[in-house]
Amino acid sequence: MTSRLAWYKSSYSGSEGGACVEVAHASGAVHVRDSKDPAGPSLAFTGEAWTAFVAFVADSTGTPVE
């Protein structure tokens, strides 16, 4: 199922590759995977859990998360 999702990286990810995650939104879930291994496993979170995670990261760094 995750191969049909529209994956994207944060605008903060550089063009050098490196340690990035990709995110895809689907009905009722937010999927996250390692950009270096797109055929590998992904994690799925509820929208509520993802929103809480993004808010925590933004609070921790003081930088908005895209």
PDB file of N, CA and C in Angstrom:
ATOM      1  N   MET A   1       0.818  -1.207   0.000  1.00  0.00           N
ATOM      2  CA  MET A   1       0.000   0.000   0.000  1.00  0.00           C
ATOM      3  C   MET A   1       0.854   1.259   0.000  1.00  0.00           C
ATOM      4  N   THR A   2       1.960   1.282   0.737  1.00  0.00           N
ATOM      5  CA  THR A   2       2.742   2.506   0.869  1.00  0.00           C
ATOM      6  C   THR A   2       3.426   2.913  -0.421  1.00  0.00           C
ATOM      7  N   SER A   3       3.556   2.014  -1.406  1.00  0.00           N
ATOM      8  CA  SER A   3       4.207   2.382  -2.661  1.00  0.00           C
ATOM      9  C   SER A   3       3.347   3.334  -3.485  1.00  0.00           C
ATOM     10  N   ARG A   4       2.043   3.373  -3.244  1.00  0.00           N
ATOM     11  CA  ARG A   4       1.149   4.254  -4.002  1.00  0.00           C
ATOM     12  C   ARG A   4       0.960   5.620  -3.357  1.00  0.00           C
ATOM     13  N   LEU A   5       1.569   5.832  -2.249  1.00  0.00           N
ATOM     14  CA  LEU A   5       1.434   7.106  -1.553  1.00  0.00           C
ATOM     15  C   LEU A   5       2.313   8.167  -2.206  1.00  0.00           C
ATOM     16  N   ALA A   6       1.925   9.415  -2.063  1.00  0.00           N
ATOM     17  CA  ALA A   6       2.729  10.541  -2.563  1.00  0.00           C
ATOM     18  C   ALA A   6       3.670  10.976  -1.448  1.00  0.00           C
ATOM     19  N   TRP A   7       4.926  10.558  -1.535  1.00  0.00           N
ATOM     20  CA  TRP A   7       5.918  10.838  -0.494  1.00  0.00           C
ATOM     21  C   TRP A   7       6.577  12.185  -0.736  1.00  0.00           C
ATOM     22  N   TYR A   8       6.920  12.879   0.340  1.00  0.00           N
ATOM     23  CA  TYR A   8       7.653  14.139   0.226  1.00  0.00           C
ATOM     24  C   TYR A   8       8.598  14.303   1.396  1.00  0.00           C
ATOM     25  N   LYS A   9       9.611  15.153   1.190  1.00  0.00           N
ATOM     26  CA  LYS A   9      10.581  15.483   2.244  1.00  0.00           C
ATOM     27  C   LYS A   9      10.360  16.921   2.674  1.00  0.00           C
ATOM     28  N   SER A  10      10.820  17.250   3.844  1.00  0.00           N
ATOM     29  CA  SER A  10      10.754  18.615   4.347  1.00  0.00           C
ATOM     30  C   SER A  10      11.565  19.538   3.455  1.00  0.00           C
ATOM     31  N   SER A  11      11.143  20.781   3.378  1.00  0.00           N
ATOM     32  CA  SER A  11      11.928  21.774   2.633  1.00  0.00           C
ATOM     33  C   SER A  11      13.253  22.052   3.329  1.00  0.00           C
ATOM     34  N   TYR A  12      13.399  21.608   4.575  1.00  0.00           N
ATOM     35  CA  TYR A  12      14.654  21.775   5.300  1.00  0.00           C
ATOM     36  C   TYR A  12      15.679  20.704   4.933  1.00  0.00           C
ATOM     37  N   SER A  13      15.262  19.667   4.211  1.00  0.00           N
ATOM     38  CA  SER A  13      16.190  18.622   3.779  1.00  0.00           C
ATOM     39  C   SER A  13      17.057  19.172   2.659  1.00  0.00           C
ATOM     40  N   GLY A  14      18.341  18.977   2.772  1.00  0.00           N
ATOM     41  CA  GLY A  14      19.250  19.443   1.735  1.00  0.00           C
ATOM     42  C   GLY A  14      19.224  18.541   0.519  1.00  0.00           C
ATOM     43  N   SER A  15      19.865  18.970  -0.545  1.00  0.00           N
ATOM     44  CA  SER A  15      19.914  18.188  -1.775  1.00  0.00           C
ATOM     45  C   SER A  15      20.980  17.101  -1.719  1.00  0.00           C
ATOM     46  N   GLU A  16      21.735  17.051  -0.625  1.00  0.00           N
ATOM     47  CA  GLU A  16      22.824  16.088  -0.495  1.00  0.00           C
ATOM     48  C   GLU A  16      22.343  14.704  -0.081  1.00  0.00           C
ATOM     49  N   GLY A  17      21.070  14.526   0.155  1.00  0.00           N
ATOM     50  CA  GLY A  17      20.571  13.234   0.641  1.00  0.00           C
ATOM     51  C   GLY A  17      20.690  13.178   2.140  1.00  0.00           C
ATOM     52  N   GLY A  18      21.551  12.328   2.627  1.00  0.00           N
ATOM     53  CA  GLY A  18      21.783  12.261   4.064  1.00  0.00           C
ATOM     54  C   GLY A  18      20.658  11.604   4.823  1.00  0.00           C
ATOM     55  N   ALA A  19      20.534  11.982   6.067  1.00  0.00           N
ATOM     56  CA  ALA A  19      19.566  11.367   6.972  1.00  0.00           C
ATOM     57  C   ALA A  19      18.239  12.106   6.912  1.00  0.00           C
ATOM     58  N   CYS A  20      17.382  11.706   6.001  1.00  0.00           N
ATOM     59  CA  CYS A  20      16.080  12.351   5.842  1.00  0.00           C
ATOM     60  C   CYS A  20      14.974  11.323   6.011  1.00  0.00           C
ATOM     61  N   VAL A  21      13.830  11.813   6.371  1.00  0.00           N
ATOM     62  CA  VAL A  21      12.643  10.972   6.349  1.00  0.00           C
ATOM     63  C   VAL A  21      11.701  11.529   5.299  1.00  0.00           C
ATOM     64  N   GLU A  22      10.865  10.672   4.775  1.00  0.00           N
ATOM     65  CA  GLU A  22       9.821  11.081   3.852  1.00  0.00           C
ATOM     66  C   GLU A  22       8.484  10.825   4.529  1.00  0.00           C
ATOM     67  N   VAL A  23       7.519  11.653   4.206  1.00  0.00           N
ATOM     68  CA  VAL A  23       6.199  11.581   4.827  1.00  0.00           C
ATOM     69  C   VAL A  23       5.149  11.502   3.727  1.00  0.00           C
ATOM     70  N   ALA A  24       4.106  10.741   3.971  1.00  0.00           N
ATOM     71  CA  ALA A  24       2.969  10.661   3.053  1.00  0.00           C
ATOM     72  C   ALA A  24       1.689  10.661   3.879  1.00  0.00           C
ATOM     73  N   HIS A  25       0.724  11.436   3.432  1.00  0.00           N
ATOM     74  CA  HIS A  25      -0.574  11.491   4.112  1.00  0.00           C
ATOM     75  C   HIS A  25      -1.540  10.550   3.400  1.00  0.00           C
ATOM     76  N   ALA A  26      -2.279   9.798   4.166  1.00  0.00           N
ATOM     77  CA  ALA A  26      -3.300   8.902   3.631  1.00  0.00           C
ATOM     78  C   ALA A  26      -4.532   9.019   4.519  1.00  0.00           C
ATOM     79  N   SER A  27      -5.592   8.459   4.072  1.00  0.00           N
ATOM     80  CA  SER A  27      -6.835   8.512   4.834  1.00  0.00           C
ATOM     81  C   SER A  27      -6.635   7.908   6.221  1.00  0.00           C
ATOM     82  N   GLY A  28      -6.712   8.748   7.238  1.00  0.00           N
ATOM     83  CA  GLY A  28      -6.611   8.285   8.608  1.00  0.00           C
ATOM     84  C   GLY A  28      -5.219   8.009   9.128  1.00  0.00           C
ATOM     85  N   ALA A  29      -4.181   8.258   8.328  1.00  0.00           N
ATOM     86  CA  ALA A  29      -2.824   7.951   8.791  1.00  0.00           C
ATOM     87  C   ALA A  29      -1.790   8.849   8.126  1.00  0.00           C
ATOM     88  N   VAL A  30      -0.673   8.994   8.812  1.00  0.00           N
ATOM     89  CA  VAL A  30       0.503   9.665   8.262  1.00  0.00           C
ATOM     90  C   VAL A  30       1.610   8.615   8.262  1.00  0.00           C
ATOM     91  N   HIS A  31       2.191   8.371   7.089  1.00  0.00           N
ATOM     92  CA  HIS A  31       3.234   7.362   6.941  1.00  0.00           C
ATOM     93  C   HIS A  31       4.593   8.044   6.903  1.00  0.00           C
ATOM     94  N   VAL A  32       5.593   7.403   7.515  1.00  0.00           N
ATOM     95  CA  VAL A  32       6.954   7.940   7.582  1.00  0.00           C
ATOM     96  C   VAL A  32       7.914   6.820   7.200  1.00  0.00           C
ATOM     97  N   ARG A  33       8.907   7.156   6.344  1.00  0.00           N
ATOM     98  CA  ARG A  33       9.911   6.165   5.958  1.00  0.00           C
ATOM     99  C   ARG A  33      11.269   6.822   5.805  1.00  0.00           C
ATOM    100  N   ASP A  34      12.296   6.001   5.744  1.00  0.00           N
ATOM    101  CA  ASP A  34      13.675   6.440   5.550  1.00  0.00           C
ATOM    102  C   ASP A  34      13.879   6.732   4.063  1.00  0.00           C
ATOM    103  N   SER A  35      14.324   7.934   3.728  1.00  0.00           N
ATOM    104  CA  SER A  35      14.501   8.295   2.320  1.00  0.00           C
ATOM    105  C   SER A  35      15.594   7.479   1.641  1.00  0.00           C
ATOM    106  N   LYS A  36      16.525   6.933   2.413  1.00  0.00           N
ATOM    107  CA  LYS A  36      17.598   6.124   1.831  1.00  0.00           C
ATOM    108  C   LYS A  36      17.131   4.707   1.498  1.00  0.00           C
ATOM    109  N   ASP A  37      15.964   4.315   2.003  1.00  0.00           N
ATOM    110  CA  ASP A  37      15.447   2.969   1.778  1.00  0.00           C
ATOM    111  C   ASP A  37      13.955   3.026   1.458  1.00  0.00           C
ATOM    112  N   PRO A  38      13.596   3.603   0.302  1.00  0.00           N
ATOM    113  CA  PRO A  38      12.178   3.788  -0.002  1.00  0.00           C
ATOM    114  C   PRO A  38      11.393   2.481  -0.137  1.00  0.00           C
ATOM    115  N   ALA A  39      12.067   1.379  -0.417  1.00  0.00           N
ATOM    116  CA  ALA A  39      11.374   0.093  -0.509  1.00  0.00           C
ATOM    117  C   ALA A  39      11.274  -0.591   0.854  1.00  0.00           C
ATOM    118  N   GLY A  40      11.912  -0.012   1.851  1.00  0.00           N
ATOM    119  CA  GLY A  40      11.908  -0.596   3.189  1.00  0.00           C
ATOM    120  C   GLY A  40      10.619  -0.319   3.930  1.00  0.00           C
ATOM    121  N   PRO A  41      10.607  -0.649   5.198  1.00  0.00           N
ATOM    122  CA  PRO A  41       9.389  -0.482   5.999  1.00  0.00           C
ATOM    123  C   PRO A  41       9.065   0.990   6.254  1.00  0.00           C
ATOM    124  N   SER A  42       7.819   1.232   6.563  1.00  0.00           N
ATOM    125  CA  SER A  42       7.397   2.575   6.960  1.00  0.00           C
ATOM    126  C   SER A  42       6.600   2.459   8.251  1.00  0.00           C
ATOM    127  N   LEU A  43       6.491   3.566   8.931  1.00  0.00           N
ATOM    128  CA  LEU A  43       5.686   3.645  10.149  1.00  0.00           C
ATOM    129  C   LEU A  43       4.415   4.412   9.824  1.00  0.00           C
ATOM    130  N   ALA A  44       3.319   4.056  10.445  1.00  0.00           N
ATOM    131  CA  ALA A  44       2.058   4.767  10.251  1.00  0.00           C
ATOM    132  C   ALA A  44       1.578   5.298  11.596  1.00  0.00           C
ATOM    133  N   PHE A  45       1.181   6.561  11.598  1.00  0.00           N
ATOM    134  CA  PHE A  45       0.702   7.228  12.803  1.00  0.00           C
ATOM    135  C   PHE A  45      -0.681   7.797  12.541  1.00  0.00           C
ATOM    136  N   THR A  46      -1.466   7.909  13.585  1.00  0.00           N
ATOM    137  CA  THR A  46      -2.739   8.613  13.441  1.00  0.00           C
ATOM    138  C   THR A  46      -2.436  10.091  13.217  1.00  0.00           C
ATOM    139  N   GLY A  47      -3.371  10.800  12.647  1.00  0.00           N
ATOM    140  CA  GLY A  47      -3.187  12.235  12.465  1.00  0.00           C
ATOM    141  C   GLY A  47      -2.949  12.946  13.784  1.00  0.00           C
ATOM    142  N   GLU A  48      -3.644  12.507  14.825  1.00  0.00           N
ATOM    143  CA  GLU A  48      -3.494  13.111  16.156  1.00  0.00           C
ATOM    144  C   GLU A  48      -2.083  12.891  16.704  1.00  0.00           C
ATOM    145  N   ALA A  49      -1.562  11.685  16.561  1.00  0.00           N
ATOM    146  CA  ALA A  49      -0.206  11.387  17.044  1.00  0.00           C
ATOM    147  C   ALA A  49       0.835  12.180  16.260  1.00  0.00           C
ATOM    148  N   TRP A  50       0.647  12.292  14.940  1.00  0.00           N
ATOM    149  CA  TRP A  50       1.598  13.039  14.112  1.00  0.00           C
ATOM    150  C   TRP A  50       1.590  14.519  14.485  1.00  0.00           C
ATOM    151  N   THR A  51       0.411  15.082  14.685  1.00  0.00           N
ATOM    152  CA  THR A  51       0.302  16.488  15.075  1.00  0.00           C
ATOM    153  C   THR A  51       1.006  16.738  16.404  1.00  0.00           C
ATOM    154  N   ALA A  52       0.838  15.837  17.358  1.00  0.00           N
ATOM    155  CA  ALA A  52       1.509  15.975  18.658  1.00  0.00           C
ATOM    156  C   ALA A  52       3.026  15.889  18.496  1.00  0.00           C
ATOM    157  N   PHE A  53       3.506  14.979  17.652  1.00  0.00           N
ATOM    158  CA  PHE A  53       4.941  14.837  17.411  1.00  0.00           C
ATOM    159  C   PHE A  53       5.517  16.109  16.793  1.00  0.00           C
ATOM    160  N   VAL A  54       4.869  16.627  15.768  1.00  0.00           N
ATOM    161  CA  VAL A  54       5.350  17.843  15.098  1.00  0.00           C
ATOM    162  C   VAL A  54       5.361  19.016  16.071  1.00  0.00           C
ATOM    163  N   ALA A  55       4.339  19.151  16.900  1.00  0.00           N
ATOM    164  CA  ALA A  55       4.297  20.230  17.895  1.00  0.00           C
ATOM    165  C   ALA A  55       5.439  20.083  18.893  1.00  0.00           C
ATOM    166  N   PHE A  56       5.729  18.858  19.319  1.00  0.00           N
ATOM    167  CA  PHE A  56       6.826  18.617  20.256  1.00  0.00           C
ATOM    168  C   PHE A  56       8.162  18.999  19.635  1.00  0.00           C
ATOM    169  N   VAL A  57       8.390  18.591  18.398  1.00  0.00           N
ATOM    170  CA  VAL A  57       9.652  18.908  17.722  1.00  0.00           C
ATOM    171  C   VAL A  57       9.797  20.417  17.553  1.00  0.00           C
ATOM    172  N   ALA A  58       8.739  21.093  17.151  1.00  0.00           N
ATOM    173  CA  ALA A  58       8.800  22.543  16.970  1.00  0.00           C
ATOM    174  C   ALA A  58       9.098  23.237  18.295  1.00  0.00           C
ATOM    175  N   ASP A  59       8.488  22.774  19.385  1.00  0.00           N
ATOM    176  CA  ASP A  59       8.742  23.350  20.707  1.00  0.00           C
ATOM    177  C   ASP A  59      10.176  23.113  21.156  1.00  0.00           C
ATOM    178  N   SER A  60      10.703  21.934  20.856  1.00  0.00           N
ATOM    179  CA  SER A  60      12.053  21.566  21.291  1.00  0.00           C
ATOM    180  C   SER A  60      13.131  22.379  20.601  1.00  0.00           C
ATOM    181  N   THR A  61      12.910  22.714  19.338  1.00  0.00           N
ATOM    182  CA  THR A  61      13.940  23.403  18.561  1.00  0.00           C
ATOM    183  C   THR A  61      13.671  24.886  18.395  1.00  0.00           C
ATOM    184  N   GLY A  62      12.422  25.286  18.593  1.00  0.00           N
ATOM    185  CA  GLY A  62      12.059  26.677  18.361  1.00  0.00           C
ATOM    186  C   GLY A  62      11.938  27.013  16.887  1.00  0.00           C
ATOM    187  N   THR A  63      12.024  25.991  16.043  1.00  0.00           N
ATOM    188  CA  THR A  63      11.947  26.186  14.599  1.00  0.00           C
ATOM    189  C   THR A  63      10.678  25.527  14.078  1.00  0.00           C
ATOM    190  N   PRO A  64       9.921  26.215  13.231  1.00  0.00           N
ATOM    191  CA  PRO A  64       8.737  25.575  12.662  1.00  0.00           C
ATOM    192  C   PRO A  64       9.136  24.348  11.847  1.00  0.00           C
ATOM    193  N   VAL A  65       8.302  23.351  11.853  1.00  0.00           N
ATOM    194  CA  VAL A  65       8.557  22.133  11.096  1.00  0.00           C
ATOM    195  C   VAL A  65       7.681  22.155   9.863  1.00  0.00           C
ATOM    196  N   GLU A  66       8.274  21.887   8.708  1.00  0.00           N
ATOM    197  CA  GLU A  66       7.501  21.830   7.459  1.00  0.00           C
ATOM    198  C   GLU A  66       7.361  20.417   6.989  1.00  0.00           C
TER     199      GLU A  66
END
